[in-house]
């Protein structure tokens, strides 16, 4: 699709698809975006549950913060997309991914210590 759009722009030909609404051309993506969103929420909730179950408070806090930042990006999706808003979305995404990475690290350390303890017995 991107190749076709670039070729149309490069050759300045008018497309018969110009009058189609954007949601109609990209409508096939909506089920995949919905699945991706549900999977991401599910992953965060399961990891928060595992963190609380293993008493790794820092891991749980990191996952919760990552989830809050991730959900806040949805609020920024509507409205005019300015350069400043794009930078803000980039920073929020960076914080969300950092929270996920830190939470994963702490949870990994907790499981590694528990596994080492179980094998030493």
Protein backbone atom coordinates (compact mmCIF):
# COMPACT_ATOMS: atom_id res chain seq x y z
CA UNK A 1 0.00 0.00 0.00
CA UNK A 2 2.80 2.40 0.86
CA UNK A 3 4.54 1.63 -2.44
CA UNK A 4 1.36 2.40 -4.40
CA UNK A 5 0.82 5.67 -2.53
CA UNK A 6 4.43 6.76 -3.13
CA UNK A 7 4.23 5.84 -6.80
CA UNK A 8 1.02 7.87 -7.19
CA UNK A 9 2.68 10.85 -5.53
CA UNK A 10 5.83 10.44 -7.61
CA UNK A 11 3.98 10.38 -10.91
CA UNK A 12 1.28 12.89 -9.93
CA UNK A 13 -1.47 10.68 -11.28
CA UNK A 14 -4.89 11.05 -9.84
CA UNK A 15 -6.09 7.86 -8.23
CA UNK A 16 -9.62 6.52 -8.36
CA UNK A 17 -9.14 5.80 -4.63
CA UNK A 18 -8.79 9.48 -3.68
CA UNK A 19 -12.50 9.81 -3.01
CA UNK A 20 -12.60 6.83 -0.64
CA UNK A 21 -12.64 7.62 3.07
CA UNK A 22 -9.45 6.74 4.91
CA UNK A 23 -11.21 4.33 7.28
CA UNK A 24 -12.41 2.32 4.29
CA UNK A 25 -8.92 1.91 2.88
CA UNK A 26 -7.40 0.98 6.23
CA UNK A 27 -10.43 -0.79 7.71
CA UNK A 28 -8.79 -4.19 7.59
CA UNK A 29 -6.31 -3.02 10.24
CA UNK A 30 -8.88 -2.42 12.99
CA UNK A 31 -9.23 -6.07 14.11
CA UNK A 32 -5.44 -6.37 14.34
CA UNK A 33 -5.14 -3.15 16.35
CA UNK A 34 -7.87 -4.40 18.70
CA UNK A 35 -6.09 -7.75 19.15
CA UNK A 36 -2.77 -5.99 19.75
CA UNK A 37 -4.34 -3.69 22.35
CA UNK A 38 -6.04 -6.53 24.21
CA UNK A 39 -2.86 -8.61 24.15
CA UNK A 40 -0.80 -5.72 25.49
CA UNK A 41 -3.28 -5.07 28.30
CA UNK A 42 -3.38 -8.78 29.10
CA UNK A 43 0.41 -9.04 29.24
CA UNK A 44 0.65 -6.07 31.59
CA UNK A 45 -2.07 -7.40 33.90
CA UNK A 46 -0.52 -10.88 34.05
CA UNK A 47 2.93 -9.42 34.76
CA UNK A 48 1.51 -7.15 37.47
CA UNK A 49 -0.20 -10.20 39.02
CA UNK A 50 3.04 -12.23 38.91
CA UNK A 51 4.96 -9.33 40.43
CA UNK A 52 2.52 -9.01 43.32
CA UNK A 53 2.44 -12.79 43.78
CA UNK A 54 6.25 -12.87 44.09
CA UNK A 55 6.33 -9.76 46.31
CA UNK A 56 8.48 -7.81 43.83
CA UNK A 57 7.05 -4.40 44.54
CA UNK A 58 9.41 -2.49 42.22
CA UNK A 59 8.46 -4.76 39.35
CA UNK A 60 4.73 -4.24 39.97
CA UNK A 61 5.18 -0.46 40.20
CA UNK A 62 7.17 -0.41 36.97
CA UNK A 63 4.54 -2.44 35.13
CA UNK A 64 1.73 -0.22 36.45
CA UNK A 65 3.59 2.93 35.38
CA UNK A 66 4.29 1.41 31.97
CA UNK A 67 0.60 0.57 31.61
CA UNK A 68 -0.48 4.08 32.63
CA UNK A 69 1.88 5.63 30.08
CA UNK A 70 0.70 3.17 27.44
CA UNK A 71 -2.94 4.00 28.06
CA UNK A 72 -2.23 7.74 28.05
CA UNK A 73 -1.04 7.46 24.46
CA UNK A 74 -4.60 6.57 23.43
CA UNK A 75 -5.79 9.97 24.65
CA UNK A 76 -3.21 11.67 22.46
CA UNK A 77 -4.27 9.79 19.32
CA UNK A 78 -7.26 12.05 18.69
CA UNK A 79 -6.91 15.62 17.63
CA UNK A 80 -4.44 17.44 15.44
CA UNK A 81 -1.10 15.71 15.08
CA UNK A 82 1.47 18.47 15.49
CA UNK A 83 5.23 18.04 15.73
CA UNK A 84 5.09 18.84 19.46
CA UNK A 85 2.44 16.18 19.98
CA UNK A 86 4.53 13.64 18.07
CA UNK A 87 7.50 14.37 20.33
CA UNK A 88 5.27 14.05 23.40
CA UNK A 89 3.94 10.70 22.16
CA UNK A 90 7.51 9.55 21.53
CA UNK A 91 8.57 10.43 25.07
CA UNK A 92 5.48 8.81 26.59
CA UNK A 93 6.14 5.66 24.57
CA UNK A 94 9.75 5.70 25.76
CA UNK A 95 8.60 5.92 29.39
CA UNK A 96 6.07 3.11 28.83
CA UNK A 97 8.70 0.83 27.32
CA UNK A 98 11.18 1.75 30.05
CA UNK A 99 8.64 0.84 32.72
CA UNK A 100 8.06 -2.49 31.00
CA UNK A 101 11.81 -3.16 30.71
CA UNK A 102 12.53 -2.27 34.35
CA UNK A 103 9.59 -4.35 35.55
CA UNK A 104 10.76 -7.29 33.47
CA UNK A 105 14.28 -6.97 34.88
CA UNK A 106 13.11 -6.97 38.50
CA UNK A 107 10.74 -9.88 37.88
CA UNK A 108 13.52 -11.83 36.16
CA UNK A 109 15.84 -11.23 39.13
CA UNK A 110 13.15 -12.42 41.55
CA UNK A 111 12.55 -15.61 39.56
CA UNK A 112 16.29 -16.22 39.20
CA UNK A 113 16.82 -15.92 42.95
CA UNK A 114 13.86 -18.18 43.64
CA UNK A 115 15.14 -20.76 41.15
CA UNK A 116 18.62 -20.65 42.68
CA UNK A 117 17.13 -21.06 46.16
CA UNK A 118 14.98 -24.01 45.05
CA UNK A 119 17.99 -25.79 43.54
CA UNK A 120 20.16 -25.25 46.60
CA UNK A 121 17.78 -27.19 48.84
